[in-house]
Amino acid sequence: MRGVVRTVLFAILALAGLAGVFAYTVARRGLSTRVQPAWIEERAALALRRLATPASVRDRRNPVPAAPAVFEDGLTHFADHCASCHGNDGSGTDLGKSFYPPVPDMRAARTQSLTDGELFSIIENGIRLTGMPAWGNGTSEGEASSWALVHFIRRLPALSPDDVARMRELNPKSATEFREEEEARRFLAGDEPAPTPAPARRQGHH
């Protein structure tokens, strides 16, 4: 009994110490996202991320067999939904790097060392207090798409230039890009340029 009490007290003291260090860090550095996360924040966030993933999910293996069609599904989905923050090659964009914490380089060991289940959980459920949303929609089709993304993420370190080039064609276009393309199309067709309607809002996780 004494051992249990001692463990609980130690845990409380450790959490209090971490909270104190965090408060001190915030007081000194403020809440700007321009500042790199402190070491204690990184370690605490990584530990909490792991603890927040149930062991039953963390230890799951990808139930979707790796196949060319699955890779293509993951590539298309990543280019359409993820690349605006993570970059087509997984290295991160200026937008993603402005988050707090910044998006990781998904080719690096910190991401690649995660289990399939951990990657799946992050995609499906998101991560609170970060820019990572939950893409899951509660359907088996949505889960299959998330598992396909896990396969694609595993391929990021070896992604070919041709794959990256294909993804650029699949990236969401801005209103300016839509307008420029429409004006070019009308010019080539011999029509007068006309205002282009705003692009339709993209759907969520399919």
C-alpha atoms as a PDB file:
ATOM      1  CA  MET A   1       0.000   0.000   0.000  1.00  0.00           C
ATOM      2  CA  ARG A   2       2.817   2.359   0.884  1.00  0.00           C
ATOM      3  CA  GLY A   3       4.389   1.678  -2.503  1.00  0.00           C
ATOM      4  CA  VAL A   4       1.208   2.719  -4.296  1.00  0.00           C
ATOM      5  CA  VAL A   5       0.920   5.911  -2.241  1.00  0.00           C
ATOM      6  CA  ARG A   6       4.563   6.717  -2.896  1.00  0.00           C
ATOM      7  CA  THR A   7       4.089   6.204  -6.649  1.00  0.00           C
ATOM      8  CA  VAL A   8       0.999   8.416  -6.721  1.00  0.00           C
ATOM      9  CA  LEU A   9       2.768  11.157  -4.764  1.00  0.00           C
ATOM     10  CA  PHE A  10       5.765  10.954  -7.068  1.00  0.00           C
ATOM     11  CA  ALA A  11       3.507  11.248 -10.104  1.00  0.00           C
ATOM     12  CA  ILE A  12       1.745  14.282  -8.612  1.00  0.00           C
ATOM     13  CA  LEU A  13       5.058  15.968  -7.807  1.00  0.00           C
ATOM     14  CA  ALA A  14       6.379  15.211 -11.305  1.00  0.00           C
ATOM     15  CA  LEU A  15       3.277  16.695 -12.944  1.00  0.00           C
ATOM     16  CA  ALA A  16       3.464  19.735 -10.679  1.00  0.00           C
ATOM     17  CA  GLY A  17       7.110  20.188 -11.636  1.00  0.00           C
ATOM     18  CA  LEU A  18       6.297  19.941 -15.347  1.00  0.00           C
ATOM     19  CA  ALA A  19       3.449  22.422 -14.941  1.00  0.00           C
ATOM     20  CA  GLY A  20       5.801  24.812 -13.152  1.00  0.00           C
ATOM     21  CA  VAL A  21       8.426  24.559 -15.880  1.00  0.00           C
ATOM     22  CA  PHE A  22       5.774  25.058 -18.552  1.00  0.00           C
ATOM     23  CA  ALA A  23       4.372  28.128 -16.779  1.00  0.00           C
ATOM     24  CA  TYR A  24       7.877  29.561 -16.430  1.00  0.00           C
ATOM     25  CA  THR A  25       8.553  28.948 -20.129  1.00  0.00           C
ATOM     26  CA  VAL A  26       5.326  30.653 -21.174  1.00  0.00           C
ATOM     27  CA  ALA A  27       6.027  33.609 -18.875  1.00  0.00           C
ATOM     28  CA  ARG A  28       9.481  34.081 -20.407  1.00  0.00           C
ATOM     29  CA  ARG A  29       8.711  33.343 -24.055  1.00  0.00           C
ATOM     30  CA  GLY A  30       5.057  34.267 -24.405  1.00  0.00           C
ATOM     31  CA  LEU A  31       2.530  32.431 -26.582  1.00  0.00           C
ATOM     32  CA  SER A  32       3.802  33.384 -30.021  1.00  0.00           C
ATOM     33  CA  THR A  33       3.859  30.561 -32.566  1.00  0.00           C
ATOM     34  CA  ARG A  34       7.026  32.108 -34.049  1.00  0.00           C
ATOM     35  CA  VAL A  35       9.026  30.660 -31.164  1.00  0.00           C
ATOM     36  CA  GLN A  36      10.257  27.077 -31.393  1.00  0.00           C
ATOM     37  CA  PRO A  37       8.668  24.830 -28.724  1.00  0.00           C
ATOM     38  CA  ALA A  38      10.850  24.389 -25.673  1.00  0.00           C
ATOM     39  CA  TRP A  39      12.394  20.974 -25.051  1.00  0.00           C
ATOM     40  CA  ILE A  40      10.080  20.310 -22.113  1.00  0.00           C
ATOM     41  CA  GLU A  41       7.039  21.120 -24.264  1.00  0.00           C
ATOM     42  CA  GLU A  42       8.150  18.756 -27.023  1.00  0.00           C
ATOM     43  CA  ARG A  43       8.773  15.896 -24.611  1.00  0.00           C
ATOM     44  CA  ALA A  44       5.497  16.458 -22.776  1.00  0.00           C
ATOM     45  CA  ALA A  45       3.517  16.650 -26.042  1.00  0.00           C
ATOM     46  CA  LEU A  46       5.079  13.461 -27.420  1.00  0.00           C
ATOM     47  CA  ALA A  47       4.455  11.608 -24.160  1.00  0.00           C
ATOM     48  CA  LEU A  48       0.838  12.749 -24.002  1.00  0.00           C
ATOM     49  CA  ARG A  49       0.307  11.825 -27.660  1.00  0.00           C
ATOM     50  CA  ARG A  50       1.464   8.300 -26.956  1.00  0.00           C
ATOM     51  CA  LEU A  51      -0.579   7.997 -23.774  1.00  0.00           C
ATOM     52  CA  ALA A  52      -3.662   9.320 -25.572  1.00  0.00           C
ATOM     53  CA  THR A  53      -3.520   6.488 -28.108  1.00  0.00           C
ATOM     54  CA  PRO A  54      -5.094   3.351 -26.575  1.00  0.00           C
ATOM     55  CA  ALA A  55      -2.824   0.317 -26.685  1.00  0.00           C
ATOM     56  CA  SER A  56      -5.499  -1.566 -28.646  1.00  0.00           C
ATOM     57  CA  VAL A  57      -5.171   1.011 -31.442  1.00  0.00           C
ATOM     58  CA  ARG A  58      -1.435   1.646 -31.082  1.00  0.00           C
ATOM     59  CA  ASP A  59      -0.608  -2.011 -31.636  1.00  0.00           C
ATOM     60  CA  ARG A  60      -2.857  -2.487 -34.662  1.00  0.00           C
ATOM     61  CA  ARG A  61      -1.224  -3.431 -37.923  1.00  0.00           C
ATOM     62  CA  ASN A  62      -2.410  -1.987 -41.193  1.00  0.00           C
ATOM     63  CA  PRO A  63      -5.319  -4.213 -42.307  1.00  0.00           C
ATOM     64  CA  VAL A  64      -5.227  -2.817 -45.857  1.00  0.00           C
ATOM     65  CA  PRO A  65      -2.753  -4.793 -48.004  1.00  0.00           C
ATOM     66  CA  ALA A  66      -0.106  -2.707 -49.744  1.00  0.00           C
ATOM     67  CA  ALA A  67      -0.834  -2.520 -53.478  1.00  0.00           C
ATOM     68  CA  PRO A  68      -0.311  -0.034 -56.335  1.00  0.00           C
ATOM     69  CA  ALA A  69      -3.967   1.015 -56.194  1.00  0.00           C
ATOM     70  CA  VAL A  70      -3.703   1.661 -52.444  1.00  0.00           C
ATOM     71  CA  PHE A  71      -0.574   3.772 -52.980  1.00  0.00           C
ATOM     72  CA  GLU A  72      -2.389   5.790 -55.651  1.00  0.00           C
ATOM     73  CA  ASP A  73      -5.343   6.336 -53.330  1.00  0.00           C
ATOM     74  CA  GLY A  74      -3.007   7.517 -50.581  1.00  0.00           C
ATOM     75  CA  LEU A  75      -1.065   9.778 -52.961  1.00  0.00           C
ATOM     76  CA  THR A  76      -4.240  11.394 -54.284  1.00  0.00           C
ATOM     77  CA  HIS A  77      -5.689  11.846 -50.827  1.00  0.00           C
ATOM     78  CA  PHE A  78      -2.471  13.265 -49.379  1.00  0.00           C
ATOM     79  CA  ALA A  79      -2.078  15.742 -52.254  1.00  0.00           C
ATOM     80  CA  ASP A  80      -5.675  16.933 -51.888  1.00  0.00           C
ATOM     81  CA  HIS A  81      -6.042  17.012 -48.099  1.00  0.00           C
ATOM     82  CA  CYS A  82      -2.622  17.068 -46.444  1.00  0.00           C
ATOM     83  CA  ALA A  83      -0.047  18.698 -48.720  1.00  0.00           C
ATOM     84  CA  SER A  84      -1.103  22.291 -47.997  1.00  0.00           C
ATOM     85  CA  CYS A  85       0.447  21.898 -44.532  1.00  0.00           C
ATOM     86  CA  HIS A  86       2.751  18.883 -44.851  1.00  0.00           C
ATOM     87  CA  GLY A  87       4.053  19.471 -48.394  1.00  0.00           C
ATOM     88  CA  ASN A  88       3.848  16.973 -51.225  1.00  0.00           C
ATOM     89  CA  ASP A  89       7.052  15.289 -50.073  1.00  0.00           C
ATOM     90  CA  GLY A  90       6.197  15.441 -46.365  1.00  0.00           C
ATOM     91  CA  SER A  91       8.825  18.058 -45.508  1.00  0.00           C
ATOM     92  CA  GLY A  92       6.289  20.716 -44.477  1.00  0.00           C
ATOM     93  CA  THR A  93       5.182  24.028 -46.000  1.00  0.00           C
ATOM     94  CA  ASP A  94       5.543  27.596 -44.732  1.00  0.00           C
ATOM     95  CA  LEU A  95       1.948  27.368 -43.506  1.00  0.00           C
ATOM     96  CA  GLY A  96       2.535  24.116 -41.641  1.00  0.00           C
ATOM     97  CA  LYS A  97       5.778  25.355 -40.124  1.00  0.00           C
ATOM     98  CA  SER A  98       3.953  28.387 -38.698  1.00  0.00           C
ATOM     99  CA  PHE A  99       1.805  26.135 -36.492  1.00  0.00           C
ATOM    100  CA  TYR A 100       2.610  25.552 -32.831  1.00  0.00           C
ATOM    101  CA  PRO A 101       4.019  23.008 -32.679  1.00  0.00           C
ATOM    102  CA  PRO A 102       5.225  23.137 -36.300  1.00  0.00           C
ATOM    103  CA  VAL A 103       4.296  20.198 -38.509  1.00  0.00           C
ATOM    104  CA  PRO A 104       7.027  17.557 -38.421  1.00  0.00           C
ATOM    105  CA  ASP A 105       9.136  16.393 -41.334  1.00  0.00           C
ATOM    106  CA  MET A 106       7.169  13.230 -42.009  1.00  0.00           C
ATOM    107  CA  ARG A 107      10.139  11.589 -43.696  1.00  0.00           C
ATOM    108  CA  ALA A 108      12.140  11.728 -40.465  1.00  0.00           C
ATOM    109  CA  ALA A 109      12.461   9.031 -37.810  1.00  0.00           C
ATOM    110  CA  ARG A 110      10.148  10.785 -35.351  1.00  0.00           C
ATOM    111  CA  THR A 111       7.213  10.090 -37.681  1.00  0.00           C
ATOM    112  CA  GLN A 112       8.439   6.948 -39.406  1.00  0.00           C
ATOM    113  CA  SER A 113       9.112   5.242 -36.054  1.00  0.00           C
ATOM    114  CA  LEU A 114       5.450   5.528 -35.055  1.00  0.00           C
ATOM    115  CA  THR A 115       3.431   2.351 -35.333  1.00  0.00           C
ATOM    116  CA  ASP A 116       0.797   1.930 -38.040  1.00  0.00           C
ATOM    117  CA  GLY A 117      -1.837   2.203 -35.333  1.00  0.00           C
ATOM    118  CA  GLU A 118      -0.435   5.486 -34.035  1.00  0.00           C
ATOM    119  CA  LEU A 119      -0.376   7.013 -37.508  1.00  0.00           C
ATOM    120  CA  PHE A 120      -3.915   5.788 -38.137  1.00  0.00           C
ATOM    121  CA  SER A 121      -5.111   7.263 -34.832  1.00  0.00           C
ATOM    122  CA  ILE A 122      -3.565  10.655 -35.596  1.00  0.00           C
ATOM    123  CA  ILE A 123      -5.206  10.743 -39.039  1.00  0.00           C
ATOM    124  CA  GLU A 124      -8.602   9.570 -37.798  1.00  0.00           C
ATOM    125  CA  ASN A 125      -8.803  11.504 -34.516  1.00  0.00           C
ATOM    126  CA  GLY A 126      -6.475  14.485 -34.936  1.00  0.00           C
ATOM    127  CA  ILE A 127      -4.459  15.990 -32.080  1.00  0.00           C
ATOM    128  CA  ARG A 128      -5.928  18.581 -29.744  1.00  0.00           C
ATOM    129  CA  LEU A 129      -4.227  21.971 -29.325  1.00  0.00           C
ATOM    130  CA  THR A 130      -2.420  21.599 -32.661  1.00  0.00           C
ATOM    131  CA  GLY A 131      -3.386  22.266 -36.265  1.00  0.00           C
ATOM    132  CA  MET A 132      -3.957  18.556 -36.932  1.00  0.00           C
ATOM    133  CA  PRO A 133      -7.678  17.926 -37.568  1.00  0.00           C
ATOM    134  CA  ALA A 134      -9.552  14.658 -37.279  1.00  0.00           C
ATOM    135  CA  TRP A 135     -10.216  13.285 -40.763  1.00  0.00           C
ATOM    136  CA  GLY A 136     -12.235  10.261 -39.645  1.00  0.00           C
ATOM    137  CA  ASN A 137     -15.935  10.234 -40.483  1.00  0.00           C
ATOM    138  CA  GLY A 138     -16.946   7.049 -38.690  1.00  0.00           C
ATOM    139  CA  THR A 139     -17.311   4.917 -41.830  1.00  0.00           C
ATOM    140  CA  SER A 140     -15.420   1.852 -42.948  1.00  0.00           C
ATOM    141  CA  GLU A 141     -14.595   3.646 -46.213  1.00  0.00           C
ATOM    142  CA  GLY A 142     -13.096   6.524 -44.267  1.00  0.00           C
ATOM    143  CA  GLU A 143     -10.990   4.132 -42.191  1.00  0.00           C
ATOM    144  CA  ALA A 144      -9.762   2.401 -45.359  1.00  0.00           C
ATOM    145  CA  SER A 145      -8.652   5.793 -46.714  1.00  0.00           C
ATOM    146  CA  SER A 146      -6.785   6.496 -43.466  1.00  0.00           C
ATOM    147  CA  TRP A 147      -5.000   3.150 -43.667  1.00  0.00           C
ATOM    148  CA  ALA A 148      -4.100   3.907 -47.301  1.00  0.00           C
ATOM    149  CA  LEU A 149      -2.577   7.174 -46.080  1.00  0.00           C
ATOM    150  CA  VAL A 150      -0.509   5.205 -43.570  1.00  0.00           C
ATOM    151  CA  HIS A 151       0.933   3.187 -46.460  1.00  0.00           C
ATOM    152  CA  PHE A 152       1.653   6.405 -48.358  1.00  0.00           C
ATOM    153  CA  ILE A 153       3.355   8.027 -45.348  1.00  0.00           C
ATOM    154  CA  ARG A 154       5.672   5.023 -45.135  1.00  0.00           C
ATOM    155  CA  ARG A 155       6.703   5.716 -48.744  1.00  0.00           C
ATOM    156  CA  LEU A 156       7.463   9.423 -48.220  1.00  0.00           C
ATOM    157  CA  PRO A 157      11.234   8.972 -47.622  1.00  0.00           C
ATOM    158  CA  ALA A 158      11.537   7.260 -51.021  1.00  0.00           C
ATOM    159  CA  LEU A 159       9.001   9.321 -52.986  1.00  0.00           C
ATOM    160  CA  SER A 160      10.137   9.879 -56.565  1.00  0.00           C
ATOM    161  CA  PRO A 161      10.274  13.263 -58.364  1.00  0.00           C
ATOM    162  CA  ASP A 162       7.607  11.962 -60.743  1.00  0.00           C
ATOM    163  CA  ASP A 163       5.289  11.226 -57.802  1.00  0.00           C
ATOM    164  CA  VAL A 164       5.817  14.751 -56.432  1.00  0.00           C
ATOM    165  CA  ALA A 165       5.148  16.248 -59.871  1.00  0.00           C
ATOM    166  CA  ARG A 166       1.883  14.296 -60.188  1.00  0.00           C
ATOM    167  CA  MET A 167       0.839  15.509 -56.745  1.00  0.00           C
ATOM    168  CA  ARG A 168       1.298  19.148 -57.764  1.00  0.00           C
ATOM    169  CA  GLU A 169      -1.427  18.611 -60.357  1.00  0.00           C
ATOM    170  CA  LEU A 170      -3.725  17.312 -57.628  1.00  0.00           C
ATOM    171  CA  ASN A 171      -3.085  20.055 -55.049  1.00  0.00           C
ATOM    172  CA  PRO A 172      -6.051  22.342 -54.274  1.00  0.00           C
ATOM    173  CA  LYS A 173      -5.932  25.516 -56.350  1.00  0.00           C
ATOM    174  CA  SER A 174      -6.391  29.026 -55.022  1.00  0.00           C
ATOM    175  CA  ALA A 175      -9.004  31.431 -56.393  1.00  0.00           C
ATOM    176  CA  THR A 176      -6.216  33.263 -58.254  1.00  0.00           C
ATOM    177  CA  GLU A 177      -5.047  30.050 -59.916  1.00  0.00           C
ATOM    178  CA  PHE A 178      -8.597  29.177 -60.949  1.00  0.00           C
ATOM    179  CA  ARG A 179      -9.053  32.665 -62.446  1.00  0.00           C
ATOM    180  CA  GLU A 180      -5.739  32.545 -64.332  1.00  0.00           C
ATOM    181  CA  GLU A 181      -6.523  29.094 -65.758  1.00  0.00           C
ATOM    182  CA  GLU A 182      -9.991  30.195 -66.843  1.00  0.00           C
ATOM    183  CA  GLU A 183      -8.660  33.347 -68.490  1.00  0.00           C
ATOM    184  CA  ALA A 184      -6.009  31.308 -70.334  1.00  0.00           C
ATOM    185  CA  ARG A 185      -8.655  28.810 -71.474  1.00  0.00           C
ATOM    186  CA  ARG A 186     -10.952  31.582 -72.741  1.00  0.00           C
ATOM    187  CA  PHE A 187      -8.053  33.319 -74.506  1.00  0.00           C
ATOM    188  CA  LEU A 188      -7.021  30.129 -76.302  1.00  0.00           C
ATOM    189  CA  ALA A 189     -10.648  29.494 -77.249  1.00  0.00           C
ATOM    190  CA  GLY A 190     -10.976  33.005 -78.662  1.00  0.00           C
ATOM    191  CA  ASP A 191     -13.487  34.104 -76.026  1.00  0.00           C
ATOM    192  CA  GLU A 192     -13.412  37.278 -73.989  1.00  0.00           C
ATOM    193  CA  PRO A 193     -12.039  36.789 -70.461  1.00  0.00           C
ATOM    194  CA  ALA A 194     -14.799  36.627 -67.881  1.00  0.00           C
ATOM    195  CA  PRO A 195     -14.847  36.565 -64.081  1.00  0.00           C
ATOM    196  CA  THR A 196     -14.404  33.098 -62.709  1.00  0.00           C
ATOM    197  CA  PRO A 197     -16.737  31.909 -59.934  1.00  0.00           C
ATOM    198  CA  ALA A 198     -15.161  30.973 -56.643  1.00  0.00           C
ATOM    199  CA  PRO A 199     -13.979  27.353 -56.564  1.00  0.00           C
ATOM    200  CA  ALA A 200     -16.353  24.847 -55.011  1.00  0.00           C
ATOM    201  CA  ARG A 201     -15.530  23.906 -51.460  1.00  0.00           C
ATOM    202  CA  ARG A 202     -13.746  20.580 -51.283  1.00  0.00           C
ATOM    203  CA  GLN A 203     -15.365  17.739 -49.454  1.00  0.00           C
ATOM    204  CA  GLY A 204     -13.880  16.192 -46.336  1.00  0.00           C
ATOM    205  CA  HIS A 205     -12.451  12.735 -45.784  1.00  0.00           C
ATOM    206  CA  HIS A 206     -13.821  10.317 -48.389  1.00  0.00           C
END
